[in-house]
């Protein structure tokens, strides 16, 4: 899935803002994960699209910031419904603690992210 940013909503305040260092209006982004709760839909977007020099810091962004450019879903995505939350993402990322380990730079989680991120990018 590929989306185009049409507005920026601050993750901290949920207010529309003119800019943000991690995302740009008009830019297109691959979607790594979709999270849907009772009152919110979030998209996980990679921060660094075209570099391997730095470790990516993928953020969760309000889905209302985007329009869909391509609705093709990666083959590694699976749907999981748990505690009223629907997640579309690789199964490996859906295990409890994965994102905490990734952001804590646990090597196995970083490697898993890099592998599946590349797989998702190859299919888009």
N, C-alpha and C. Protein backbone atom coordinates (compact mmCIF):
# COMPACT_ATOMS: atom_id res chain seq x y z
N UNK A 1 0.85 -1.17 0.00
CA UNK A 1 0.00 0.00 0.00
C UNK A 1 0.90 1.24 0.00
N UNK A 2 0.54 2.17 -0.83
CA UNK A 2 1.27 3.44 -0.90
C UNK A 2 0.26 4.56 -0.68
N UNK A 3 0.64 5.53 0.13
CA UNK A 3 -0.22 6.66 0.43
C UNK A 3 0.50 7.98 0.15
N UNK A 4 -0.29 9.02 -0.07
CA UNK A 4 0.26 10.37 -0.27
C UNK A 4 -0.22 11.24 0.89
N UNK A 5 0.69 11.97 1.49
CA UNK A 5 0.36 12.85 2.60
C UNK A 5 -0.35 14.10 2.07
N UNK A 6 -1.54 14.38 2.62
CA UNK A 6 -2.31 15.54 2.20
C UNK A 6 -2.38 16.62 3.28
N UNK A 7 -2.11 16.24 4.51
CA UNK A 7 -2.06 17.18 5.63
C UNK A 7 -1.25 16.52 6.74
N UNK A 8 -0.78 17.31 7.67
CA UNK A 8 0.00 16.76 8.78
C UNK A 8 -0.75 17.00 10.08
N UNK A 9 -0.95 15.92 10.82
CA UNK A 9 -1.58 15.99 12.13
C UNK A 9 -0.51 15.62 13.15
N UNK A 10 -0.28 16.51 14.08
CA UNK A 10 0.75 16.28 15.10
C UNK A 10 0.41 15.03 15.91
N UNK A 11 1.37 14.09 16.03
CA UNK A 11 1.13 12.91 16.86
C UNK A 11 0.92 13.27 18.33
N UNK A 12 1.50 14.37 18.77
CA UNK A 12 1.41 14.77 20.17
C UNK A 12 0.09 15.47 20.51
N UNK A 13 -0.33 16.39 19.63
CA UNK A 13 -1.51 17.20 19.95
C UNK A 13 -2.75 16.83 19.14
N UNK A 14 -2.57 16.07 18.07
CA UNK A 14 -3.64 15.70 17.13
C UNK A 14 -4.22 16.91 16.41
N UNK A 15 -3.47 18.00 16.39
CA UNK A 15 -3.89 19.19 15.66
C UNK A 15 -3.18 19.23 14.32
N UNK A 16 -3.83 19.84 13.32
CA UNK A 16 -3.20 20.01 12.02
C UNK A 16 -2.09 21.04 12.15
N UNK A 17 -0.91 20.68 11.63
CA UNK A 17 0.26 21.56 11.70
C UNK A 17 0.81 21.76 10.29
N UNK A 18 1.56 22.84 10.06
CA UNK A 18 2.07 23.11 8.71
C UNK A 18 3.20 22.20 8.27
N UNK A 19 3.98 21.69 9.23
CA UNK A 19 5.09 20.82 8.86
C UNK A 19 5.52 19.96 10.04
N UNK A 20 6.36 18.99 9.71
CA UNK A 20 6.92 18.07 10.72
C UNK A 20 8.21 17.53 10.13
N UNK A 21 9.25 17.35 10.93
CA UNK A 21 10.52 16.88 10.37
C UNK A 21 10.50 15.46 9.79
N UNK A 22 9.50 14.66 10.14
CA UNK A 22 9.48 13.26 9.70
C UNK A 22 8.57 12.97 8.51
N UNK A 23 7.80 13.96 8.09
CA UNK A 23 6.83 13.71 7.02
C UNK A 23 6.57 14.99 6.25
N UNK A 24 6.18 14.85 4.98
CA UNK A 24 6.02 16.03 4.13
C UNK A 24 4.72 15.94 3.32
N UNK A 25 3.96 17.01 3.29
CA UNK A 25 2.75 17.06 2.48
C UNK A 25 3.15 16.90 1.01
N UNK A 26 2.41 16.06 0.29
CA UNK A 26 2.67 15.81 -1.12
C UNK A 26 3.55 14.61 -1.38
N UNK A 27 4.27 14.16 -0.37
CA UNK A 27 5.17 13.00 -0.55
C UNK A 27 4.37 11.70 -0.45
N UNK A 28 4.87 10.69 -1.16
CA UNK A 28 4.26 9.37 -1.12
C UNK A 28 5.08 8.46 -0.23
N UNK A 29 4.38 7.60 0.52
CA UNK A 29 5.02 6.72 1.49
C UNK A 29 4.46 5.30 1.40
N UNK A 30 5.33 4.31 1.51
CA UNK A 30 4.85 2.94 1.64
C UNK A 30 4.31 2.74 3.05
N UNK A 31 3.27 1.95 3.18
CA UNK A 31 2.69 1.66 4.49
C UNK A 31 3.25 0.33 4.96
N UNK A 32 3.81 0.33 6.16
CA UNK A 32 4.40 -0.88 6.72
C UNK A 32 3.41 -1.66 7.56
N UNK A 33 2.42 -0.95 8.12
CA UNK A 33 1.48 -1.58 9.05
C UNK A 33 0.25 -0.69 9.16
N UNK A 34 -0.90 -1.31 9.39
CA UNK A 34 -2.15 -0.58 9.63
C UNK A 34 -2.68 -1.04 10.98
N UNK A 35 -3.02 -0.07 11.84
CA UNK A 35 -3.59 -0.36 13.15
C UNK A 35 -4.95 0.32 13.23
N UNK A 36 -5.98 -0.44 13.57
CA UNK A 36 -7.33 0.12 13.64
C UNK A 36 -7.90 -0.19 15.02
N UNK A 37 -8.32 0.86 15.72
CA UNK A 37 -8.99 0.70 17.01
C UNK A 37 -10.41 1.21 16.86
N UNK A 38 -11.14 1.20 17.92
CA UNK A 38 -12.54 1.63 17.88
C UNK A 38 -12.70 3.05 17.35
N UNK A 39 -11.77 3.93 17.67
CA UNK A 39 -11.93 5.33 17.29
C UNK A 39 -10.76 5.93 16.51
N UNK A 40 -9.85 5.08 16.04
CA UNK A 40 -8.67 5.64 15.36
C UNK A 40 -8.07 4.62 14.39
N UNK A 41 -7.54 5.14 13.30
CA UNK A 41 -6.80 4.30 12.36
C UNK A 41 -5.44 4.94 12.16
N UNK A 42 -4.39 4.14 12.34
CA UNK A 42 -3.02 4.64 12.23
C UNK A 42 -2.27 3.84 11.17
N UNK A 43 -1.36 4.53 10.49
CA UNK A 43 -0.48 3.90 9.51
C UNK A 43 0.95 4.02 9.99
N UNK A 44 1.69 2.91 9.91
CA UNK A 44 3.12 2.96 10.25
C UNK A 44 3.88 3.26 8.96
N UNK A 45 4.58 4.38 8.98
CA UNK A 45 5.29 4.89 7.81
C UNK A 45 6.79 4.90 8.12
N UNK A 46 7.63 4.42 7.20
CA UNK A 46 9.07 4.49 7.46
C UNK A 46 9.55 5.93 7.42
N UNK A 47 10.49 6.25 8.28
CA UNK A 47 11.05 7.60 8.31
C UNK A 47 12.11 7.78 7.22
N UNK A 48 12.91 6.76 7.02
CA UNK A 48 14.01 6.84 6.06
C UNK A 48 13.70 5.93 4.88
N UNK A 49 13.30 6.52 3.77
CA UNK A 49 12.88 5.71 2.64
C UNK A 49 14.00 5.12 1.82
N UNK A 50 15.08 5.85 1.65
CA UNK A 50 16.08 5.43 0.67
C UNK A 50 17.51 5.43 1.20
N UNK A 51 17.66 5.05 2.45
CA UNK A 51 19.01 4.98 3.00
C UNK A 51 19.14 3.76 3.89
N UNK A 52 20.32 3.22 3.92
CA UNK A 52 20.61 2.14 4.87
C UNK A 52 21.71 2.60 5.83
N UNK A 53 22.08 3.89 5.74
CA UNK A 53 23.12 4.42 6.61
C UNK A 53 22.68 4.52 8.07
N UNK A 54 21.39 4.81 8.27
CA UNK A 54 20.86 4.98 9.62
C UNK A 54 19.72 4.01 9.83
N UNK A 55 19.48 3.67 11.08
CA UNK A 55 18.36 2.79 11.41
C UNK A 55 17.07 3.60 11.30
N UNK A 56 16.11 3.03 10.61
CA UNK A 56 14.82 3.67 10.41
C UNK A 56 14.08 3.81 11.73
N UNK A 57 13.29 4.86 11.86
CA UNK A 57 12.46 5.07 13.03
C UNK A 57 11.01 5.22 12.56
N UNK A 58 10.37 4.10 12.19
CA UNK A 58 9.02 4.19 11.61
C UNK A 58 8.01 4.70 12.62
N UNK A 59 7.23 5.69 12.18
CA UNK A 59 6.26 6.30 13.07
C UNK A 59 4.84 5.92 12.74
N UNK A 60 3.98 6.09 13.71
CA UNK A 60 2.55 5.88 13.52
C UNK A 60 1.90 7.24 13.25
N UNK A 61 1.14 7.29 12.16
CA UNK A 61 0.51 8.54 11.73
C UNK A 61 -0.98 8.31 11.53
N UNK A 62 -1.76 9.32 11.82
CA UNK A 62 -3.20 9.28 11.64
C UNK A 62 -3.52 9.05 10.16
N UNK A 63 -4.35 8.07 9.88
CA UNK A 63 -4.66 7.72 8.49
C UNK A 63 -5.38 8.84 7.76
N UNK A 64 -6.04 9.75 8.47
CA UNK A 64 -6.73 10.85 7.80
C UNK A 64 -5.78 11.86 7.19
N UNK A 65 -4.49 11.68 7.41
CA UNK A 65 -3.48 12.55 6.79
C UNK A 65 -3.20 12.17 5.34
N UNK A 66 -3.72 11.03 4.90
CA UNK A 66 -3.28 10.44 3.64
C UNK A 66 -4.44 10.11 2.70
N UNK A 67 -4.10 10.04 1.42
CA UNK A 67 -4.96 9.41 0.42
C UNK A 67 -4.21 8.21 -0.11
N UNK A 68 -4.94 7.19 -0.52
CA UNK A 68 -4.32 5.96 -1.01
C UNK A 68 -3.95 6.14 -2.48
N UNK A 69 -2.68 5.87 -2.79
CA UNK A 69 -2.18 5.93 -4.16
C UNK A 69 -2.23 4.53 -4.78
N UNK A 70 -1.86 3.53 -3.99
CA UNK A 70 -1.91 2.13 -4.42
C UNK A 70 -2.43 1.30 -3.26
N UNK A 71 -3.48 0.54 -3.50
CA UNK A 71 -4.07 -0.27 -2.44
C UNK A 71 -3.51 -1.69 -2.39
N UNK A 72 -2.48 -1.95 -3.16
CA UNK A 72 -1.88 -3.29 -3.16
C UNK A 72 -1.27 -3.58 -1.78
N UNK A 73 -1.70 -4.69 -1.18
CA UNK A 73 -1.21 -5.05 0.14
C UNK A 73 -0.08 -6.06 0.03
N UNK A 74 0.97 -5.90 0.83
CA UNK A 74 2.08 -6.85 0.81
C UNK A 74 1.62 -8.26 1.18
N UNK A 75 2.19 -9.25 0.54
CA UNK A 75 1.80 -10.64 0.80
C UNK A 75 2.18 -11.11 2.21
N UNK A 76 3.11 -10.43 2.86
CA UNK A 76 3.52 -10.83 4.22
C UNK A 76 2.58 -10.30 5.29
N UNK A 77 1.63 -9.44 4.93
CA UNK A 77 0.68 -8.92 5.91
C UNK A 77 -0.33 -9.99 6.29
N UNK A 78 -0.63 -10.07 7.57
CA UNK A 78 -1.71 -10.91 8.06
C UNK A 78 -2.57 -10.03 8.97
N UNK A 79 -3.83 -10.38 9.08
CA UNK A 79 -4.74 -9.65 9.95
C UNK A 79 -4.77 -10.31 11.31
N UNK A 80 -4.72 -9.51 12.35
CA UNK A 80 -4.84 -10.02 13.71
C UNK A 80 -5.79 -9.13 14.49
N UNK A 81 -6.74 -9.75 15.17
CA UNK A 81 -7.70 -9.02 16.00
C UNK A 81 -7.44 -9.42 17.44
N UNK A 82 -7.06 -8.43 18.24
CA UNK A 82 -6.75 -8.70 19.65
C UNK A 82 -7.15 -7.48 20.48
N UNK A 83 -7.87 -7.72 21.54
CA UNK A 83 -8.30 -6.65 22.45
C UNK A 83 -8.99 -5.51 21.72
N UNK A 84 -9.80 -5.82 20.72
CA UNK A 84 -10.53 -4.80 19.99
C UNK A 84 -9.70 -4.00 19.00
N UNK A 85 -8.49 -4.46 18.75
CA UNK A 85 -7.61 -3.76 17.81
C UNK A 85 -7.31 -4.69 16.63
N UNK A 86 -7.49 -4.17 15.42
CA UNK A 86 -7.18 -4.92 14.21
C UNK A 86 -5.84 -4.42 13.68
N UNK A 87 -4.95 -5.35 13.41
CA UNK A 87 -3.63 -5.02 12.88
C UNK A 87 -3.42 -5.75 11.57
N UNK A 88 -2.93 -5.02 10.56
CA UNK A 88 -2.48 -5.61 9.30
C UNK A 88 -0.98 -5.35 9.22
N UNK A 89 -0.21 -6.42 9.30
CA UNK A 89 1.25 -6.29 9.34
C UNK A 89 1.86 -7.69 9.23
N UNK A 90 3.18 -7.76 9.04
CA UNK A 90 3.82 -9.07 9.11
C UNK A 90 3.57 -9.70 10.49
N UNK A 91 3.34 -11.00 10.50
CA UNK A 91 3.08 -11.71 11.77
C UNK A 91 4.20 -11.47 12.78
N UNK A 92 5.43 -11.42 12.31
CA UNK A 92 6.57 -11.26 13.21
C UNK A 92 6.51 -9.94 13.99
N UNK A 93 5.93 -8.91 13.39
CA UNK A 93 5.84 -7.61 14.04
C UNK A 93 4.67 -7.53 15.02
N UNK A 94 3.78 -8.50 14.96
CA UNK A 94 2.59 -8.46 15.79
C UNK A 94 2.80 -9.11 17.15
N UNK A 95 3.92 -9.72 17.35
CA UNK A 95 4.13 -10.35 18.66
C UNK A 95 4.34 -9.28 19.72
N UNK A 96 3.87 -9.56 20.91
CA UNK A 96 4.00 -8.62 22.02
C UNK A 96 5.47 -8.28 22.25
N UNK A 97 5.77 -7.00 22.30
CA UNK A 97 7.12 -6.53 22.60
C UNK A 97 8.01 -6.29 21.39
N UNK A 98 7.54 -6.65 20.18
CA UNK A 98 8.41 -6.47 19.01
C UNK A 98 8.86 -5.02 18.85
N UNK A 99 7.92 -4.07 18.86
CA UNK A 99 8.30 -2.67 18.60
C UNK A 99 9.16 -2.10 19.73
N UNK A 100 8.93 -2.51 20.95
CA UNK A 100 9.79 -2.07 22.05
C UNK A 100 11.22 -2.57 21.83
N UNK A 101 11.34 -3.83 21.41
CA UNK A 101 12.68 -4.38 21.14
C UNK A 101 13.33 -3.66 19.97
N UNK A 102 12.55 -3.37 18.93
CA UNK A 102 13.12 -2.67 17.77
C UNK A 102 13.66 -1.31 18.20
N UNK A 103 12.86 -0.53 18.91
CA UNK A 103 13.30 0.81 19.30
C UNK A 103 14.38 0.78 20.39
N UNK A 104 14.50 -0.36 21.10
CA UNK A 104 15.60 -0.54 22.06
C UNK A 104 16.84 -1.13 21.39
N UNK A 105 16.78 -1.28 20.07
CA UNK A 105 17.88 -1.75 19.23
C UNK A 105 18.34 -3.16 19.59
N UNK A 106 17.38 -4.03 19.86
CA UNK A 106 17.69 -5.45 20.06
C UNK A 106 18.00 -6.01 18.66
N UNK A 107 19.20 -6.56 18.46
CA UNK A 107 19.63 -6.96 17.11
C UNK A 107 18.65 -7.86 16.36
N UNK A 108 18.07 -8.84 17.01
CA UNK A 108 17.14 -9.74 16.32
C UNK A 108 15.91 -8.98 15.80
N UNK A 109 15.40 -8.04 16.58
CA UNK A 109 14.24 -7.26 16.16
C UNK A 109 14.61 -6.31 15.02
N UNK A 110 15.77 -5.69 15.09
CA UNK A 110 16.23 -4.79 14.02
C UNK A 110 16.40 -5.59 12.72
N UNK A 111 17.00 -6.75 12.82
CA UNK A 111 17.19 -7.60 11.62
C UNK A 111 15.84 -8.02 11.03
N UNK A 112 14.90 -8.39 11.90
CA UNK A 112 13.57 -8.79 11.44
C UNK A 112 12.87 -7.62 10.75
N UNK A 113 12.97 -6.44 11.33
CA UNK A 113 12.37 -5.26 10.72
C UNK A 113 12.98 -5.00 9.35
N UNK A 114 14.30 -4.99 9.28
CA UNK A 114 14.99 -4.70 8.02
C UNK A 114 14.60 -5.71 6.94
N UNK A 115 14.53 -6.98 7.29
CA UNK A 115 14.19 -8.02 6.33
C UNK A 115 12.77 -7.84 5.79
N UNK A 116 11.83 -7.63 6.70
CA UNK A 116 10.43 -7.50 6.28
C UNK A 116 10.15 -6.16 5.61
N UNK A 117 10.82 -5.12 6.04
CA UNK A 117 10.70 -3.81 5.37
C UNK A 117 11.13 -3.95 3.91
N UNK A 118 12.25 -4.62 3.67
CA UNK A 118 12.74 -4.83 2.31
C UNK A 118 11.74 -5.66 1.51
N UNK A 119 11.15 -6.67 2.14
CA UNK A 119 10.15 -7.50 1.46
C UNK A 119 8.93 -6.68 1.07
N UNK A 120 8.47 -5.84 1.98
CA UNK A 120 7.32 -4.97 1.68
C UNK A 120 7.66 -4.01 0.54
N UNK A 121 8.82 -3.38 0.59
CA UNK A 121 9.22 -2.43 -0.45
C UNK A 121 9.31 -3.12 -1.81
N UNK A 122 9.78 -4.36 -1.83
CA UNK A 122 9.96 -5.08 -3.11
C UNK A 122 8.62 -5.37 -3.79
N UNK A 123 7.56 -5.44 -3.00
CA UNK A 123 6.24 -5.77 -3.55
C UNK A 123 5.41 -4.55 -3.95
N UNK A 124 5.85 -3.38 -3.59
CA UNK A 124 5.04 -2.17 -3.86
C UNK A 124 5.32 -1.56 -5.20
